[in-house]
N, C-alpha and C. Protein backbone atom coordinates (compact mmCIF):
# COMPACT_ATOMS: atom_id res chain seq x y z
N GLU A 1 9.91 -31.89 18.37
CA GLU A 1 10.93 -31.48 17.43
C GLU A 1 10.27 -31.04 16.12
N GLY A 2 10.79 -29.99 15.53
CA GLY A 2 10.27 -29.51 14.27
C GLY A 2 9.04 -28.63 14.38
N GLU A 3 8.58 -28.37 15.60
CA GLU A 3 7.40 -27.51 15.77
C GLU A 3 7.83 -26.05 15.84
N LEU A 4 7.02 -25.20 15.29
CA LEU A 4 7.31 -23.77 15.26
C LEU A 4 6.39 -23.07 16.24
N ASP A 5 6.94 -22.37 17.21
CA ASP A 5 6.14 -21.62 18.18
C ASP A 5 5.88 -20.23 17.61
N LEU A 6 4.63 -19.98 17.24
CA LEU A 6 4.26 -18.69 16.66
C LEU A 6 3.68 -17.74 17.70
N GLY A 7 3.64 -18.15 18.94
CA GLY A 7 3.05 -17.30 19.96
C GLY A 7 1.54 -17.42 19.93
N GLY A 8 0.90 -16.76 20.86
CA GLY A 8 -0.54 -16.87 20.96
C GLY A 8 -1.27 -15.63 20.53
N GLY A 9 -0.65 -14.81 19.71
CA GLY A 9 -1.26 -13.54 19.29
C GLY A 9 -2.43 -13.75 18.35
N PRO A 10 -3.09 -12.66 18.00
CA PRO A 10 -4.22 -12.75 17.08
C PRO A 10 -3.78 -13.18 15.69
N ALA A 11 -4.68 -13.79 14.97
CA ALA A 11 -4.36 -14.23 13.61
C ALA A 11 -4.07 -13.02 12.73
N PRO A 12 -3.02 -13.10 11.93
CA PRO A 12 -2.69 -11.96 11.06
C PRO A 12 -3.72 -11.82 9.94
N ALA A 13 -3.75 -10.65 9.35
CA ALA A 13 -4.61 -10.42 8.19
C ALA A 13 -4.09 -11.30 7.05
N SER A 14 -4.92 -11.54 6.08
CA SER A 14 -4.46 -12.33 4.94
C SER A 14 -3.32 -11.59 4.24
N LEU A 15 -2.53 -12.32 3.52
CA LEU A 15 -1.41 -11.71 2.80
C LEU A 15 -1.91 -10.64 1.85
N THR A 16 -3.02 -10.91 1.18
CA THR A 16 -3.59 -9.93 0.26
C THR A 16 -3.94 -8.64 0.99
N GLU A 17 -4.55 -8.76 2.16
CA GLU A 17 -4.92 -7.57 2.94
C GLU A 17 -3.68 -6.80 3.37
N GLU A 18 -2.65 -7.53 3.81
CA GLU A 18 -1.42 -6.86 4.23
C GLU A 18 -0.78 -6.11 3.07
N LEU A 19 -0.73 -6.74 1.91
CA LEU A 19 -0.13 -6.09 0.74
C LEU A 19 -0.93 -4.86 0.32
N GLU A 20 -2.25 -4.96 0.37
CA GLU A 20 -3.09 -3.82 0.00
C GLU A 20 -2.90 -2.66 0.98
N GLN A 21 -2.81 -2.97 2.27
CA GLN A 21 -2.57 -1.92 3.27
C GLN A 21 -1.22 -1.26 3.04
N ALA A 22 -0.22 -2.06 2.75
CA ALA A 22 1.12 -1.51 2.51
C ALA A 22 1.12 -0.64 1.25
N GLU A 23 0.48 -1.11 0.20
CA GLU A 23 0.43 -0.34 -1.05
C GLU A 23 -0.32 0.96 -0.85
N ARG A 24 -1.45 0.90 -0.17
CA ARG A 24 -2.23 2.10 0.11
C ARG A 24 -1.39 3.11 0.90
N GLY A 25 -0.68 2.62 1.91
CA GLY A 25 0.17 3.49 2.71
C GLY A 25 1.26 4.15 1.90
N ARG A 26 1.89 3.41 1.00
CA ARG A 26 2.94 3.98 0.16
C ARG A 26 2.39 5.05 -0.76
N ILE A 27 1.19 4.83 -1.30
CA ILE A 27 0.58 5.83 -2.19
C ILE A 27 0.29 7.10 -1.41
N VAL A 28 -0.27 6.97 -0.21
CA VAL A 28 -0.56 8.14 0.62
C VAL A 28 0.73 8.89 0.96
N GLU A 29 1.78 8.16 1.32
CA GLU A 29 3.07 8.79 1.63
C GLU A 29 3.61 9.54 0.42
N ALA A 30 3.53 8.93 -0.75
CA ALA A 30 4.03 9.57 -1.97
C ALA A 30 3.24 10.83 -2.29
N LEU A 31 1.93 10.78 -2.10
CA LEU A 31 1.10 11.97 -2.35
C LEU A 31 1.47 13.10 -1.39
N ARG A 32 1.74 12.76 -0.15
CA ARG A 32 2.16 13.79 0.82
C ARG A 32 3.51 14.38 0.42
N ALA A 33 4.45 13.50 0.05
CA ALA A 33 5.78 13.97 -0.34
C ALA A 33 5.71 14.84 -1.59
N ALA A 34 4.76 14.54 -2.46
CA ALA A 34 4.60 15.30 -3.71
C ALA A 34 3.64 16.47 -3.56
N ARG A 35 3.26 16.76 -2.32
CA ARG A 35 2.34 17.87 -2.01
C ARG A 35 1.07 17.79 -2.86
N GLY A 36 0.56 16.55 -3.00
CA GLY A 36 -0.71 16.35 -3.69
C GLY A 36 -0.61 16.15 -5.19
N SER A 37 0.57 16.31 -5.76
CA SER A 37 0.73 16.13 -7.21
C SER A 37 0.69 14.64 -7.53
N ARG A 38 -0.36 14.24 -8.22
CA ARG A 38 -0.50 12.82 -8.57
C ARG A 38 0.57 12.37 -9.56
N THR A 39 0.93 13.24 -10.48
CA THR A 39 1.96 12.91 -11.45
C THR A 39 3.29 12.67 -10.75
N GLU A 40 3.66 13.59 -9.86
CA GLU A 40 4.93 13.46 -9.13
C GLU A 40 4.90 12.25 -8.20
N ALA A 41 3.77 12.01 -7.56
CA ALA A 41 3.66 10.85 -6.66
C ALA A 41 3.86 9.55 -7.44
N ALA A 42 3.26 9.46 -8.61
CA ALA A 42 3.42 8.26 -9.44
C ALA A 42 4.89 8.08 -9.83
N GLN A 43 5.56 9.18 -10.14
CA GLN A 43 6.98 9.10 -10.49
C GLN A 43 7.79 8.62 -9.29
N LEU A 44 7.47 9.12 -8.10
CA LEU A 44 8.17 8.69 -6.89
C LEU A 44 8.00 7.19 -6.66
N LEU A 45 6.83 6.68 -7.00
CA LEU A 45 6.54 5.26 -6.81
C LEU A 45 7.03 4.39 -7.97
N GLY A 46 7.42 5.03 -9.08
CA GLY A 46 7.90 4.28 -10.23
C GLY A 46 6.81 3.53 -10.95
N MET A 47 5.62 4.13 -10.99
CA MET A 47 4.51 3.50 -11.71
C MET A 47 3.84 4.51 -12.61
N PRO A 48 3.18 4.04 -13.66
CA PRO A 48 2.45 4.98 -14.52
C PRO A 48 1.35 5.70 -13.73
N ARG A 49 1.11 6.94 -14.10
CA ARG A 49 0.10 7.75 -13.42
C ARG A 49 -1.27 7.08 -13.46
N THR A 50 -1.63 6.51 -14.61
CA THR A 50 -2.95 5.86 -14.72
C THR A 50 -3.07 4.67 -13.78
N THR A 51 -2.00 3.93 -13.60
CA THR A 51 -2.01 2.81 -12.66
C THR A 51 -2.24 3.31 -11.25
N MET A 52 -1.54 4.38 -10.87
CA MET A 52 -1.72 4.93 -9.54
C MET A 52 -3.14 5.45 -9.34
N LEU A 53 -3.68 6.12 -10.36
CA LEU A 53 -5.05 6.63 -10.25
C LEU A 53 -6.05 5.48 -10.06
N ASN A 54 -5.85 4.38 -10.76
CA ASN A 54 -6.72 3.21 -10.59
C ASN A 54 -6.61 2.64 -9.19
N LYS A 55 -5.39 2.58 -8.66
CA LYS A 55 -5.19 2.08 -7.30
C LYS A 55 -5.81 3.03 -6.28
N MET A 56 -5.68 4.33 -6.51
CA MET A 56 -6.29 5.31 -5.60
C MET A 56 -7.81 5.11 -5.56
N LYS A 57 -8.39 4.88 -6.72
CA LYS A 57 -9.84 4.65 -6.77
C LYS A 57 -10.21 3.38 -6.00
N ARG A 58 -9.43 2.32 -6.21
CA ARG A 58 -9.69 1.05 -5.54
C ARG A 58 -9.60 1.19 -4.02
N TYR A 59 -8.64 1.98 -3.54
CA TYR A 59 -8.42 2.14 -2.10
C TYR A 59 -9.18 3.31 -1.49
N GLY A 60 -9.94 4.02 -2.30
CA GLY A 60 -10.74 5.13 -1.78
C GLY A 60 -9.92 6.34 -1.38
N ILE A 61 -8.81 6.56 -2.06
CA ILE A 61 -7.95 7.72 -1.79
C ILE A 61 -8.39 8.84 -2.71
N THR A 62 -8.73 9.98 -2.12
CA THR A 62 -9.20 11.11 -2.93
C THR A 62 -8.22 12.26 -2.92
């Protein structure tokens, strides 16, 4: 009683890794939607352009 069956699948990535992957994916999607415009992509994401540029650098997005 009280045990949680999580299945026997592989261990998930750390929460930090999952969040970084999700954030990277959203930035890439926004850049595609904005046809490469970094300013427009940042607006779509609701973040300052400089913040997005820093995140792009961190994630290796060119």
